[in-house]
Structures are given as structure tokens and as C-alpha cells.
């Protein structure tokens, strides 16, 4: 998790995700090359470590069957997820050559983010909790995960409901006449083409 995300957004989706998973942990930093905990995980021969990040050479969980998924990830996959804004995540990966060297996994985004109050560069950019939700469900189909994800997004959706209620309150400083109480998929994204979301070596 990028330090800005950790310090400023205690109710961020990375924190929500961590609270719901028994075997998750938050590691804060930008350059993880010499980070003791990260390198401890990478050095553990019992782990098969991967990075969730898009790229041309990534292993696509959405198009892989259970045999392919098990052959690629093994029985003890350890998945690193970069939590922060897309520019921050890109910087974290650029500086962390130990994470750059990991095999990448990705998925085909069949849903649009419900994070309608926060801007993302492109439609493929989900929040951390939405990304983890998608990956957990894909890993379940491959027999690598068995957690119940039925209510996984509830805290996220409740947060958005609260934020929308605040925007609909005429007494709030962020009042918006055009805001809707419906949590609908997002269709508007940043238009600056230089904000590439994919880091290629």
C-alpha cells in the first residue's frame, strides 16, 4: 500500500479488503527492493509469489481452466496487489525491481467499477476491493480458494451509499443536484492519454 493511501484513507478499499481476509496483510511502502517483509515472503520456498497487474505476458485467470490455473499458480500462491492511485501504483512497480520480476496474473474485466465518486483512468481500473473480489471468485473456479464472497462488497457499497447521501444533502459542502442514490456502474473516466495504466519493461 502506498503511504499516501495508508495515511489519508483509513476507510480506503485496501483497508476494507484486508479486514475481510484472514490471510491478508498490508505492507506500506513505495520502493520494496530492500523491504524486509516483502523479501521474506519472496524468499520463502513454500510460496509461489505473483503480482496482480495487467500486461501482455500476464496469466489471464478469466480464460484459464482449473488445470491450467493449478499448474501455473500451484497450491500456495501468494498474490501481491499494489494499492494506491494508478500513478502511485505505477511508481511502486517502477521502483520495485523485485516485484517487477514476479510472474503477473490478470483478469478480463467484465464489470464496471461502482466507485462512481472516484476517478479512474480507464474502465478496466477497478478499486482494490473490486479487483480482489473478482480474483477470489476466479480462484474459486480453479479450486485454489473457497471463501464465501457473497457479502464481500457490502462494506464498499455501504460506503458509497453514505457518500451519495452526503452529496444529496443540501446542507453539505459537496451537495450535488445531479447525484443519484443508485449505485450504478461507472462510465466516465479520465481522458488524459498519457496516464497509461500498464507498465511495460
N, C-alpha and C. Protein backbone atom coordinates (compact mmCIF):
# COMPACT_ATOMS: atom_id res chain seq x y z
N UNK A 1 0.84 -1.18 0.00
CA UNK A 1 0.00 0.00 0.00
C UNK A 1 0.89 1.24 0.00
N UNK A 2 0.55 2.16 -0.88
CA UNK A 2 1.31 3.41 -0.94
C UNK A 2 1.09 4.20 0.35
N UNK A 3 2.14 4.86 0.89
CA UNK A 3 1.99 5.60 2.15
C UNK A 3 0.87 6.63 2.12
N UNK A 4 0.63 7.27 0.98
CA UNK A 4 -0.45 8.25 0.89
C UNK A 4 -1.80 7.59 1.12
N UNK A 5 -1.96 6.40 0.58
CA UNK A 5 -3.21 5.66 0.76
C UNK A 5 -3.37 5.24 2.21
N UNK A 6 -2.28 4.84 2.82
CA UNK A 6 -2.32 4.35 4.20
C UNK A 6 -2.63 5.47 5.19
N UNK A 7 -2.03 6.63 4.98
CA UNK A 7 -2.16 7.73 5.93
C UNK A 7 -3.47 8.50 5.77
N UNK A 8 -3.90 8.69 4.55
CA UNK A 8 -5.01 9.60 4.31
C UNK A 8 -6.37 8.92 4.21
N UNK A 9 -6.39 7.64 3.92
CA UNK A 9 -7.67 6.99 3.66
C UNK A 9 -7.80 5.72 4.49
N UNK A 10 -8.11 5.89 5.76
CA UNK A 10 -8.27 4.73 6.64
C UNK A 10 -9.49 3.91 6.26
N UNK A 11 -10.41 4.52 5.50
CA UNK A 11 -11.59 3.77 5.06
C UNK A 11 -11.45 3.39 3.59
N UNK A 12 -10.22 3.38 3.08
CA UNK A 12 -10.00 3.02 1.68
C UNK A 12 -10.31 1.56 1.42
N UNK A 13 -10.44 1.21 0.15
CA UNK A 13 -10.86 -0.15 -0.18
C UNK A 13 -9.77 -1.18 0.11
N UNK A 14 -8.50 -0.74 0.18
CA UNK A 14 -7.45 -1.67 0.57
C UNK A 14 -7.60 -2.09 2.02
N UNK A 15 -7.94 -1.12 2.89
CA UNK A 15 -8.18 -1.44 4.30
C UNK A 15 -9.40 -2.35 4.44
N UNK A 16 -10.45 -2.05 3.69
CA UNK A 16 -11.65 -2.90 3.73
C UNK A 16 -11.34 -4.33 3.34
N UNK A 17 -10.55 -4.47 2.29
CA UNK A 17 -10.17 -5.80 1.81
C UNK A 17 -9.40 -6.56 2.86
N UNK A 18 -8.43 -5.90 3.47
CA UNK A 18 -7.59 -6.54 4.48
C UNK A 18 -8.40 -7.01 5.68
N UNK A 19 -9.39 -6.22 6.09
CA UNK A 19 -10.21 -6.58 7.24
C UNK A 19 -11.07 -7.81 7.00
N UNK A 20 -11.34 -8.12 5.74
CA UNK A 20 -12.24 -9.23 5.43
C UNK A 20 -11.52 -10.54 5.16
N UNK A 21 -10.21 -10.49 5.04
CA UNK A 21 -9.47 -11.69 4.69
C UNK A 21 -8.56 -12.10 5.85
N UNK A 22 -8.64 -13.37 6.24
CA UNK A 22 -7.84 -13.88 7.35
C UNK A 22 -6.35 -13.93 7.00
N UNK A 23 -6.04 -14.17 5.75
CA UNK A 23 -4.64 -14.38 5.37
C UNK A 23 -4.10 -13.25 4.51
N UNK A 24 -4.54 -12.03 4.80
CA UNK A 24 -4.04 -10.86 4.08
C UNK A 24 -3.24 -9.99 5.03
N UNK A 25 -2.36 -9.19 4.48
CA UNK A 25 -1.61 -8.24 5.29
C UNK A 25 -1.30 -7.00 4.45
N UNK A 26 -1.19 -5.86 5.13
CA UNK A 26 -0.85 -4.61 4.47
C UNK A 26 0.63 -4.33 4.70
N UNK A 27 1.35 -4.10 3.62
CA UNK A 27 2.76 -3.73 3.68
C UNK A 27 2.88 -2.35 3.04
N UNK A 28 3.32 -1.38 3.81
CA UNK A 28 3.35 0.01 3.35
C UNK A 28 4.73 0.37 2.80
N UNK A 29 4.74 1.03 1.65
CA UNK A 29 6.00 1.47 1.07
C UNK A 29 5.84 1.92 -0.36
N UNK A 30 6.95 2.32 -0.94
CA UNK A 30 6.98 2.71 -2.36
C UNK A 30 8.01 1.86 -3.10
N UNK A 31 9.24 1.86 -2.60
CA UNK A 31 10.30 1.02 -3.15
C UNK A 31 10.47 -0.19 -2.22
N UNK A 32 10.12 -1.38 -2.73
CA UNK A 32 10.14 -2.58 -1.90
C UNK A 32 11.38 -3.44 -2.12
N UNK A 33 12.36 -2.93 -2.85
CA UNK A 33 13.56 -3.72 -3.14
C UNK A 33 14.24 -4.23 -1.88
N UNK A 34 14.34 -3.39 -0.88
CA UNK A 34 15.03 -3.77 0.35
C UNK A 34 14.06 -3.92 1.52
N UNK A 35 12.78 -4.06 1.22
CA UNK A 35 11.79 -4.20 2.28
C UNK A 35 11.88 -5.60 2.88
N UNK A 36 12.13 -5.65 4.18
CA UNK A 36 12.38 -6.93 4.85
C UNK A 36 11.22 -7.91 4.70
N UNK A 37 10.01 -7.46 4.96
CA UNK A 37 8.86 -8.36 4.93
C UNK A 37 8.59 -8.88 3.51
N UNK A 38 8.66 -7.99 2.53
CA UNK A 38 8.43 -8.41 1.15
C UNK A 38 9.46 -9.45 0.72
N UNK A 39 10.73 -9.18 0.99
CA UNK A 39 11.78 -10.11 0.59
C UNK A 39 11.72 -11.42 1.38
N UNK A 40 11.19 -11.35 2.59
CA UNK A 40 10.99 -12.56 3.40
C UNK A 40 9.96 -13.47 2.72
N UNK A 41 8.90 -12.87 2.23
CA UNK A 41 7.87 -13.65 1.53
C UNK A 41 8.42 -14.23 0.24
N UNK A 42 9.14 -13.39 -0.52
CA UNK A 42 9.68 -13.84 -1.80
C UNK A 42 10.70 -14.95 -1.64
N UNK A 43 11.42 -14.94 -0.52
CA UNK A 43 12.47 -15.94 -0.31
C UNK A 43 11.94 -17.26 0.22
N UNK A 44 10.70 -17.28 0.67
CA UNK A 44 10.10 -18.50 1.23
C UNK A 44 9.85 -19.50 0.11
N UNK A 45 10.53 -20.62 0.14
CA UNK A 45 10.42 -21.63 -0.91
C UNK A 45 9.04 -22.29 -0.94
N UNK A 46 8.28 -22.15 0.13
CA UNK A 46 6.94 -22.75 0.17
C UNK A 46 5.90 -21.90 -0.56
N UNK A 47 6.27 -20.65 -0.86
CA UNK A 47 5.34 -19.75 -1.55
C UNK A 47 5.64 -19.68 -3.03
N UNK A 48 4.59 -19.52 -3.81
CA UNK A 48 4.72 -19.18 -5.23
C UNK A 48 4.14 -17.77 -5.36
N UNK A 49 5.00 -16.79 -5.52
CA UNK A 49 4.56 -15.39 -5.48
C UNK A 49 4.22 -14.86 -6.86
N UNK A 50 3.14 -14.06 -6.92
CA UNK A 50 2.68 -13.47 -8.17
C UNK A 50 2.27 -12.02 -7.92
N UNK A 51 2.20 -11.27 -8.99
CA UNK A 51 1.77 -9.88 -8.92
C UNK A 51 0.49 -9.71 -9.73
N UNK A 52 -0.54 -9.17 -9.11
CA UNK A 52 -1.77 -8.86 -9.83
C UNK A 52 -1.58 -7.53 -10.54
N UNK A 53 -1.38 -7.59 -11.84
CA UNK A 53 -1.13 -6.37 -12.61
C UNK A 53 -1.28 -6.71 -14.09
N UNK A 54 -1.93 -5.83 -14.86
CA UNK A 54 -2.12 -6.13 -16.29
C UNK A 54 -0.82 -6.06 -17.06
N UNK A 55 -0.77 -6.77 -18.15
CA UNK A 55 0.41 -6.78 -19.01
C UNK A 55 0.26 -7.82 -20.09
N UNK A 56 1.02 -7.67 -21.15
CA UNK A 56 0.90 -8.58 -22.30
C UNK A 56 1.27 -10.01 -21.94
N UNK A 57 2.19 -10.18 -21.00
CA UNK A 57 2.66 -11.52 -20.65
C UNK A 57 1.99 -12.08 -19.40
N UNK A 58 0.93 -11.44 -18.93
CA UNK A 58 0.29 -11.90 -17.69
C UNK A 58 -0.54 -13.16 -17.94
N UNK A 59 -0.71 -13.94 -16.89
CA UNK A 59 -1.55 -15.14 -16.93
C UNK A 59 -2.99 -14.72 -16.68
N UNK A 60 -3.85 -14.97 -17.64
CA UNK A 60 -5.23 -14.50 -17.56
C UNK A 60 -6.10 -15.51 -16.82
N UNK A 61 -6.52 -15.15 -15.61
CA UNK A 61 -7.36 -16.05 -14.81
C UNK A 61 -8.72 -16.28 -15.45
N UNK A 62 -9.19 -15.30 -16.20
CA UNK A 62 -10.54 -15.38 -16.77
C UNK A 62 -10.64 -16.40 -17.90
N UNK A 63 -9.54 -16.65 -18.59
CA UNK A 63 -9.58 -17.54 -19.75
C UNK A 63 -8.90 -18.87 -19.48
N UNK A 64 -8.52 -19.12 -18.22
CA UNK A 64 -7.80 -20.35 -17.89
C UNK A 64 -8.73 -21.34 -17.19
N UNK A 65 -8.57 -22.61 -17.53
CA UNK A 65 -9.36 -23.63 -16.83
C UNK A 65 -8.66 -24.01 -15.53
N UNK A 66 -9.31 -24.85 -14.73
CA UNK A 66 -8.78 -25.17 -13.41
C UNK A 66 -7.42 -25.86 -13.47
N UNK A 67 -7.21 -26.70 -14.47
CA UNK A 67 -5.93 -27.40 -14.60
C UNK A 67 -4.81 -26.41 -14.91
N UNK A 68 -5.06 -25.51 -15.85
CA UNK A 68 -4.05 -24.51 -16.21
C UNK A 68 -3.74 -23.60 -15.02
N UNK A 69 -4.78 -23.24 -14.28
CA UNK A 69 -4.60 -22.36 -13.13
C UNK A 69 -3.76 -23.04 -12.05
N UNK A 70 -4.05 -24.31 -11.78
CA UNK A 70 -3.29 -25.04 -10.77
C UNK A 70 -1.85 -25.28 -11.20
N UNK A 71 -1.66 -25.58 -12.47
CA UNK A 71 -0.30 -25.79 -12.98
C UNK A 71 0.53 -24.52 -12.88
N UNK A 72 -0.09 -23.39 -13.13
CA UNK A 72 0.64 -22.12 -13.15
C UNK A 72 0.90 -21.59 -11.75
N UNK A 73 -0.11 -21.65 -10.87
CA UNK A 73 -0.02 -20.99 -9.57
C UNK A 73 0.33 -21.92 -8.42
N UNK A 74 0.16 -23.22 -8.61
CA UNK A 74 0.47 -24.14 -7.53
C UNK A 74 -0.58 -24.09 -6.44
N UNK A 75 -0.31 -24.75 -5.34
CA UNK A 75 -1.29 -24.86 -4.25
C UNK A 75 -1.12 -23.79 -3.18
N UNK A 76 -0.01 -23.03 -3.21
CA UNK A 76 0.19 -21.97 -2.21
C UNK A 76 0.58 -20.67 -2.88
N UNK A 77 -0.31 -20.14 -3.72
CA UNK A 77 0.02 -18.87 -4.38
C UNK A 77 -0.02 -17.71 -3.39
N UNK A 78 0.93 -16.82 -3.51
CA UNK A 78 0.98 -15.61 -2.69
C UNK A 78 0.86 -14.43 -3.65
N UNK A 79 -0.23 -13.71 -3.53
CA UNK A 79 -0.56 -12.68 -4.52
C UNK A 79 -0.29 -11.29 -3.97
N UNK A 80 0.58 -10.55 -4.66
CA UNK A 80 0.86 -9.16 -4.31
C UNK A 80 -0.07 -8.25 -5.11
N UNK A 81 -0.66 -7.28 -4.42
CA UNK A 81 -1.55 -6.32 -5.06
C UNK A 81 -1.08 -4.92 -4.69
N UNK A 82 -0.88 -4.07 -5.68
CA UNK A 82 -0.43 -2.70 -5.44
C UNK A 82 -1.65 -1.84 -5.14
N UNK A 83 -1.71 -1.28 -3.94
CA UNK A 83 -2.86 -0.49 -3.53
C UNK A 83 -2.49 0.99 -3.47
N UNK A 84 -3.13 1.76 -4.30
CA UNK A 84 -2.90 3.21 -4.38
C UNK A 84 -3.54 3.71 -5.66
N UNK A 85 -3.40 4.98 -5.92
CA UNK A 85 -3.89 5.50 -7.20
C UNK A 85 -3.07 4.86 -8.31
N UNK A 86 -3.58 4.90 -9.54
CA UNK A 86 -2.83 4.27 -10.63
C UNK A 86 -1.46 4.90 -10.83
N UNK A 87 -1.31 6.23 -10.75
CA UNK A 87 0.04 6.80 -10.85
C UNK A 87 0.95 6.31 -9.73
N UNK A 88 0.41 6.19 -8.50
CA UNK A 88 1.20 5.70 -7.37
C UNK A 88 1.59 4.24 -7.56
N UNK A 89 0.65 3.43 -8.02
CA UNK A 89 0.93 2.01 -8.24
C UNK A 89 1.99 1.84 -9.32
N UNK A 90 1.92 2.66 -10.35
CA UNK A 90 2.90 2.59 -11.43
C UNK A 90 4.30 2.92 -10.90
N UNK A 91 4.38 3.91 -10.02
CA UNK A 91 5.67 4.29 -9.43
C UNK A 91 6.20 3.19 -8.53
N UNK A 92 5.31 2.58 -7.74
CA UNK A 92 5.71 1.49 -6.85
C UNK A 92 6.35 0.35 -7.65
N UNK A 93 5.73 0.01 -8.77
CA UNK A 93 6.24 -1.08 -9.58
C UNK A 93 7.54 -0.69 -10.29
N UNK A 94 7.61 0.55 -10.73
CA UNK A 94 8.81 1.02 -11.43
C UNK A 94 10.03 0.96 -10.53
N UNK A 95 9.85 1.28 -9.25
CA UNK A 95 10.98 1.30 -8.31
C UNK A 95 11.30 -0.07 -7.73
N UNK A 96 10.33 -0.96 -7.69
CA UNK A 96 10.48 -2.26 -7.01
C UNK A 96 10.83 -3.35 -8.02
N UNK A 97 12.11 -3.50 -8.31
CA UNK A 97 12.51 -4.49 -9.31
C UNK A 97 12.22 -5.91 -8.84
N UNK A 98 12.17 -6.13 -7.52
CA UNK A 98 11.84 -7.46 -7.02
C UNK A 98 10.40 -7.84 -7.37
N UNK A 99 9.49 -6.85 -7.38
CA UNK A 99 8.11 -7.12 -7.78
C UNK A 99 7.98 -7.19 -9.31
N UNK A 100 8.81 -6.42 -10.01
CA UNK A 100 8.79 -6.48 -11.47
C UNK A 100 9.11 -7.87 -11.98
N UNK A 101 9.95 -8.59 -11.25
CA UNK A 101 10.41 -9.91 -11.69
C UNK A 101 9.38 -11.01 -11.45
N UNK A 102 8.33 -10.70 -10.72
CA UNK A 102 7.31 -11.72 -10.45
C UNK A 102 6.47 -12.00 -11.69
N UNK A 103 5.99 -13.22 -11.79
CA UNK A 103 5.03 -13.55 -12.83
C UNK A 103 3.74 -12.79 -12.52
N UNK A 104 3.10 -12.28 -13.57
CA UNK A 104 1.88 -11.49 -13.38
C UNK A 104 0.63 -12.32 -13.66
N UNK A 105 -0.40 -11.99 -12.93
CA UNK A 105 -1.73 -12.54 -13.22
C UNK A 105 -2.67 -11.37 -13.45
N UNK A 106 -3.67 -11.61 -14.26
CA UNK A 106 -4.66 -10.57 -14.57
C UNK A 106 -6.00 -11.24 -14.82
N UNK A 107 -6.99 -10.44 -15.15
CA UNK A 107 -8.31 -10.98 -15.46
C UNK A 107 -8.98 -10.08 -16.49
N UNK A 108 -9.95 -10.64 -17.20
CA UNK A 108 -10.75 -9.84 -18.12
C UNK A 108 -11.82 -9.13 -17.32
N UNK A 109 -11.84 -7.82 -17.41
CA UNK A 109 -12.78 -7.05 -16.62
C UNK A 109 -14.16 -7.08 -17.27
N UNK A 110 -15.06 -7.85 -16.69
CA UNK A 110 -16.42 -7.94 -17.22
C UNK A 110 -17.40 -7.04 -16.46
N UNK A 111 -16.89 -6.36 -15.42
CA UNK A 111 -17.76 -5.45 -14.68
C UNK A 111 -17.14 -4.05 -14.70
N UNK A 112 -17.99 -3.05 -14.56
CA UNK A 112 -17.51 -1.68 -14.44
C UNK A 112 -17.53 -1.28 -12.98
N UNK A 113 -16.57 -0.49 -12.59
CA UNK A 113 -16.44 -0.12 -11.18
C UNK A 113 -17.67 0.62 -10.68
N UNK A 114 -18.04 0.31 -9.45
CA UNK A 114 -19.12 1.05 -8.79
C UNK A 114 -18.58 2.26 -8.02
N UNK A 115 -17.29 2.49 -8.12
CA UNK A 115 -16.66 3.58 -7.39
C UNK A 115 -16.91 4.89 -8.15
N UNK A 116 -18.16 5.31 -8.18
CA UNK A 116 -18.57 6.41 -9.05
C UNK A 116 -18.11 7.77 -8.55
N UNK A 117 -17.69 7.86 -7.29
CA UNK A 117 -17.27 9.16 -6.77
C UNK A 117 -15.76 9.36 -6.88
N UNK A 118 -15.07 8.38 -7.44
CA UNK A 118 -13.62 8.48 -7.58
C UNK A 118 -13.23 8.22 -9.03
N UNK A 119 -12.30 9.02 -9.54
CA UNK A 119 -11.91 8.89 -10.93
C UNK A 119 -10.88 7.78 -11.13
N UNK A 120 -11.05 7.06 -12.24
CA UNK A 120 -10.06 6.09 -12.67
C UNK A 120 -9.67 6.42 -14.12
N UNK A 121 -8.47 6.01 -14.55
CA UNK A 121 -8.05 6.33 -15.91
C UNK A 121 -8.87 5.62 -16.99
N UNK A 122 -9.24 4.36 -16.75
CA UNK A 122 -9.94 3.58 -17.77
C UNK A 122 -10.95 2.65 -17.11
N UNK A 123 -11.80 2.07 -17.97
CA UNK A 123 -12.85 1.20 -17.45
C UNK A 123 -12.31 -0.08 -16.84
N UNK A 124 -11.09 -0.49 -17.24
CA UNK A 124 -10.53 -1.72 -16.66
C UNK A 124 -10.02 -1.51 -15.24
N UNK A 125 -10.01 -0.27 -14.77
CA UNK A 125 -9.44 0.04 -13.46
C UNK A 125 -10.51 -0.08 -12.37
N UNK A 126 -10.47 -1.19 -11.67
CA UNK A 126 -11.38 -1.39 -10.55
C UNK A 126 -10.70 -0.94 -9.26
N UNK A 127 -11.48 -0.72 -8.23
CA UNK A 127 -10.91 -0.45 -6.91
C UNK A 127 -10.25 -1.73 -6.41
N UNK A 128 -9.45 -1.61 -5.36
CA UNK A 128 -8.76 -2.78 -4.82
C UNK A 128 -9.74 -3.86 -4.38
N UNK A 129 -10.80 -3.46 -3.69
CA UNK A 129 -11.74 -4.46 -3.18
C UNK A 129 -12.50 -5.14 -4.32
N UNK A 130 -12.81 -4.40 -5.38
CA UNK A 130 -13.50 -5.00 -6.53
C UNK A 130 -12.57 -5.95 -7.27
N UNK A 131 -11.29 -5.59 -7.36
CA UNK A 131 -10.31 -6.45 -8.02
C UNK A 131 -10.13 -7.76 -7.25
N UNK A 132 -9.99 -7.64 -5.93
CA UNK A 132 -9.80 -8.84 -5.10
C UNK A 132 -11.04 -9.72 -5.15
N UNK A 133 -12.20 -9.10 -5.12
CA UNK A 133 -13.46 -9.85 -5.23
C UNK A 133 -13.49 -10.67 -6.53
N UNK A 134 -13.09 -10.04 -7.62
CA UNK A 134 -13.07 -10.72 -8.92
C UNK A 134 -12.08 -11.86 -8.92
N UNK A 135 -10.88 -11.62 -8.39
CA UNK A 135 -9.84 -12.64 -8.37
C UNK A 135 -10.23 -13.81 -7.48
N UNK A 136 -10.81 -13.53 -6.32
CA UNK A 136 -11.23 -14.61 -5.42
C UNK A 136 -12.24 -15.53 -6.10
N UNK A 137 -13.18 -14.94 -6.81
CA UNK A 137 -14.18 -15.76 -7.50
C UNK A 137 -13.56 -16.59 -8.61
N UNK A 138 -12.58 -16.04 -9.30
CA UNK A 138 -11.90 -16.79 -10.35
C UNK A 138 -11.06 -17.92 -9.75
N UNK A 139 -10.41 -17.65 -8.63
CA UNK A 139 -9.62 -18.69 -7.97
C UNK A 139 -10.50 -19.80 -7.41
N UNK A 140 -11.71 -19.44 -7.04
CA UNK A 140 -12.66 -20.47 -6.56
C UNK A 140 -12.99 -21.45 -7.67
N UNK A 141 -13.14 -20.95 -8.89
CA UNK A 141 -13.45 -21.84 -10.01
C UNK A 141 -12.29 -22.79 -10.30
N UNK A 142 -11.07 -22.36 -9.93
CA UNK A 142 -9.91 -23.21 -10.14
C UNK A 142 -9.57 -24.08 -8.96
N UNK A 143 -10.38 -24.00 -7.90
CA UNK A 143 -10.16 -24.82 -6.72
C UNK A 143 -9.03 -24.32 -5.83
N UNK A 144 -8.57 -23.08 -6.04
CA UNK A 144 -7.49 -22.53 -5.23
C UNK A 144 -8.00 -21.66 -4.09
N UNK A 145 -9.30 -21.45 -4.02
CA UNK A 145 -9.88 -20.61 -2.98
C UNK A 145 -11.26 -21.13 -2.66
N UNK A 146 -11.68 -20.98 -1.39
CA UNK A 146 -13.01 -21.48 -1.03
C UNK A 146 -13.78 -20.52 -0.13
N UNK A 147 -13.33 -19.25 -0.05
CA UNK A 147 -14.02 -18.32 0.84
C UNK A 147 -15.35 -17.87 0.23
N UNK A 148 -16.26 -17.48 1.09
CA UNK A 148 -17.58 -17.02 0.67
C UNK A 148 -17.49 -15.53 0.32
N UNK A 149 -17.75 -15.20 -0.92
CA UNK A 149 -17.66 -13.81 -1.37
C UNK A 149 -19.03 -13.15 -1.53
N UNK A 150 -20.06 -13.83 -1.04
CA UNK A 150 -21.42 -13.33 -1.22
C UNK A 150 -21.63 -11.91 -0.71
N UNK A 151 -21.00 -11.58 0.42
CA UNK A 151 -21.18 -10.26 1.02
C UNK A 151 -19.87 -9.45 1.03
N UNK A 152 -18.94 -9.87 0.20
CA UNK A 152 -17.61 -9.27 0.22
C UNK A 152 -17.64 -7.77 -0.10
N UNK A 153 -18.53 -7.36 -1.01
CA UNK A 153 -18.57 -5.96 -1.44
C UNK A 153 -19.51 -5.09 -0.61
N UNK A 154 -20.17 -5.68 0.39
CA UNK A 154 -21.15 -4.92 1.17
C UNK A 154 -20.53 -3.68 1.84
N UNK A 155 -19.38 -3.77 2.52
CA UNK A 155 -18.81 -2.56 3.12
C UNK A 155 -18.53 -1.47 2.09
N UNK A 156 -18.04 -1.88 0.94
CA UNK A 156 -17.75 -0.95 -0.16
C UNK A 156 -19.03 -0.26 -0.63
N UNK A 157 -20.08 -1.05 -0.83
CA UNK A 157 -21.34 -0.49 -1.30
C UNK A 157 -21.98 0.42 -0.25
N UNK A 158 -21.85 0.04 1.03
CA UNK A 158 -22.37 0.89 2.11
C UNK A 158 -21.62 2.22 2.17
N UNK A 159 -20.32 2.18 1.93
CA UNK A 159 -19.54 3.41 1.92
C UNK A 159 -20.01 4.34 0.81
N UNK A 160 -20.26 3.78 -0.36
CA UNK A 160 -20.72 4.59 -1.48
C UNK A 160 -22.10 5.17 -1.19
N UNK A 161 -22.98 4.37 -0.59
CA UNK A 161 -24.32 4.86 -0.22
C UNK A 161 -24.21 6.05 0.73
N UNK A 162 -23.31 5.93 1.70
CA UNK A 162 -23.11 7.02 2.67
C UNK A 162 -22.60 8.27 1.96
N UNK A 163 -21.66 8.09 1.05
CA UNK A 163 -21.09 9.23 0.34
C UNK A 163 -22.13 9.89 -0.57
N UNK A 164 -22.97 9.08 -1.18
CA UNK A 164 -24.02 9.63 -2.05
C UNK A 164 -25.06 10.37 -1.22
N UNK A 165 -25.40 9.84 -0.05
CA UNK A 165 -26.34 10.53 0.84
C UNK A 165 -25.80 11.91 1.23
N UNK A 166 -24.49 11.95 1.45
CA UNK A 166 -23.85 13.22 1.81
C UNK A 166 -23.93 14.21 0.65
N UNK A 167 -23.72 13.71 -0.56
CA UNK A 167 -23.77 14.57 -1.74
C UNK A 167 -25.18 15.07 -2.02
N UNK A 168 -26.18 14.30 -1.59
CA UNK A 168 -27.57 14.67 -1.83
C UNK A 168 -28.12 15.56 -0.73
N UNK A 169 -27.32 15.80 0.29
CA UNK A 169 -27.75 16.65 1.40
C UNK A 169 -27.47 18.11 1.05
N UNK A 170 -28.51 18.93 0.92
CA UNK A 170 -28.31 20.35 0.54
C UNK A 170 -27.44 21.12 1.51
N UNK A 171 -27.32 20.63 2.74
CA UNK A 171 -26.51 21.33 3.73
C UNK A 171 -25.02 20.97 3.67
N UNK A 172 -24.66 19.99 2.86
CA UNK A 172 -23.25 19.58 2.78
C UNK A 172 -22.51 20.43 1.76
N UNK A 173 -21.21 20.59 1.95
CA UNK A 173 -20.40 21.42 1.06
C UNK A 173 -20.21 20.76 -0.31
N UNK A 174 -20.43 19.46 -0.38
CA UNK A 174 -20.30 18.74 -1.65
C UNK A 174 -21.65 18.41 -2.28
N UNK A 175 -22.65 19.19 -1.93
CA UNK A 175 -24.00 18.94 -2.44
C UNK A 175 -24.02 18.96 -3.96
N UNK A 176 -24.71 17.99 -4.54
CA UNK A 176 -24.84 17.91 -5.98
C UNK A 176 -26.28 17.60 -6.36
N UNK A 177 -26.87 18.49 -7.14
CA UNK A 177 -28.26 18.27 -7.58
C UNK A 177 -28.37 17.08 -8.52
N UNK A 178 -27.30 16.77 -9.21
CA UNK A 178 -27.35 15.73 -10.23
C UNK A 178 -26.99 14.34 -9.69
N UNK A 179 -26.61 14.26 -8.42
CA UNK A 179 -26.24 12.97 -7.85
C UNK A 179 -27.44 12.04 -7.78
N UNK A 180 -27.19 10.75 -7.95
CA UNK A 180 -28.25 9.75 -7.89
C UNK A 180 -27.97 8.80 -6.74
N UNK A 181 -29.01 8.35 -6.08
CA UNK A 181 -28.84 7.41 -4.96
C UNK A 181 -28.53 6.01 -5.45
N UNK A 182 -28.72 5.77 -6.73
CA UNK A 182 -28.48 4.44 -7.27
C UNK A 182 -26.98 4.21 -7.45
N UNK A 183 -26.48 3.09 -6.96
CA UNK A 183 -25.08 2.74 -7.17
C UNK A 183 -24.97 2.04 -8.51
N UNK A 184 -24.73 2.82 -9.52
CA UNK A 184 -24.68 2.30 -10.89
C UNK A 184 -23.24 2.16 -11.35
N UNK A 185 -22.98 1.31 -12.36
CA UNK A 185 -21.63 1.21 -12.91
C UNK A 185 -21.16 2.55 -13.45
N UNK A 186 -19.88 2.73 -13.44
CA UNK A 186 -19.30 4.00 -13.87
C UNK A 186 -18.99 3.95 -15.36
N UNK A 187 -19.21 5.09 -16.04
CA UNK A 187 -18.97 5.14 -17.47
C UNK A 187 -18.06 6.29 -17.90
N UNK A 188 -17.70 7.17 -16.97
CA UNK A 188 -16.85 8.29 -17.32
C UNK A 188 -15.49 8.12 -16.65
N UNK A 189 -14.43 8.34 -17.43
CA UNK A 189 -13.08 8.13 -16.94
C UNK A 189 -12.19 9.29 -17.36
N UNK A 190 -11.02 9.37 -16.78
CA UNK A 190 -10.08 10.43 -17.14
C UNK A 190 -9.69 10.28 -18.61
N UNK A 191 -9.48 11.40 -19.26
CA UNK A 191 -9.24 11.39 -20.70
C UNK A 191 -7.80 11.69 -21.08
N UNK A 192 -6.92 11.86 -20.10
CA UNK A 192 -5.52 12.14 -20.40
C UNK A 192 -4.83 10.85 -20.83
N UNK A 193 -4.51 10.75 -22.11
CA UNK A 193 -3.97 9.51 -22.64
C UNK A 193 -2.59 9.19 -22.09
N UNK A 194 -1.87 10.20 -21.59
CA UNK A 194 -0.54 9.93 -21.07
C UNK A 194 -0.57 9.17 -19.76
N UNK A 195 -1.75 9.07 -19.12
CA UNK A 195 -1.85 8.35 -17.85
C UNK A 195 -2.02 6.85 -18.12
N UNK A 196 -0.99 6.27 -18.72
CA UNK A 196 -1.04 4.84 -19.06
C UNK A 196 -1.12 4.01 -17.79
N UNK A 197 -1.99 3.02 -17.79
CA UNK A 197 -2.17 2.20 -16.58
C UNK A 197 -1.27 0.99 -16.57
N UNK A 198 -0.63 0.68 -17.69
CA UNK A 198 0.17 -0.55 -17.79
C UNK A 198 1.64 -0.19 -17.92
N UNK A 199 2.46 -0.75 -17.04
CA UNK A 199 3.90 -0.52 -17.09
C UNK A 199 4.55 -1.67 -17.84
N UNK A 200 5.14 -1.37 -18.98
CA UNK A 200 5.85 -2.38 -19.75
C UNK A 200 7.34 -2.14 -19.63
N UNK A 201 8.12 -3.20 -19.50
CA UNK A 201 9.57 -3.05 -19.40
C UNK A 201 10.15 -2.76 -20.77
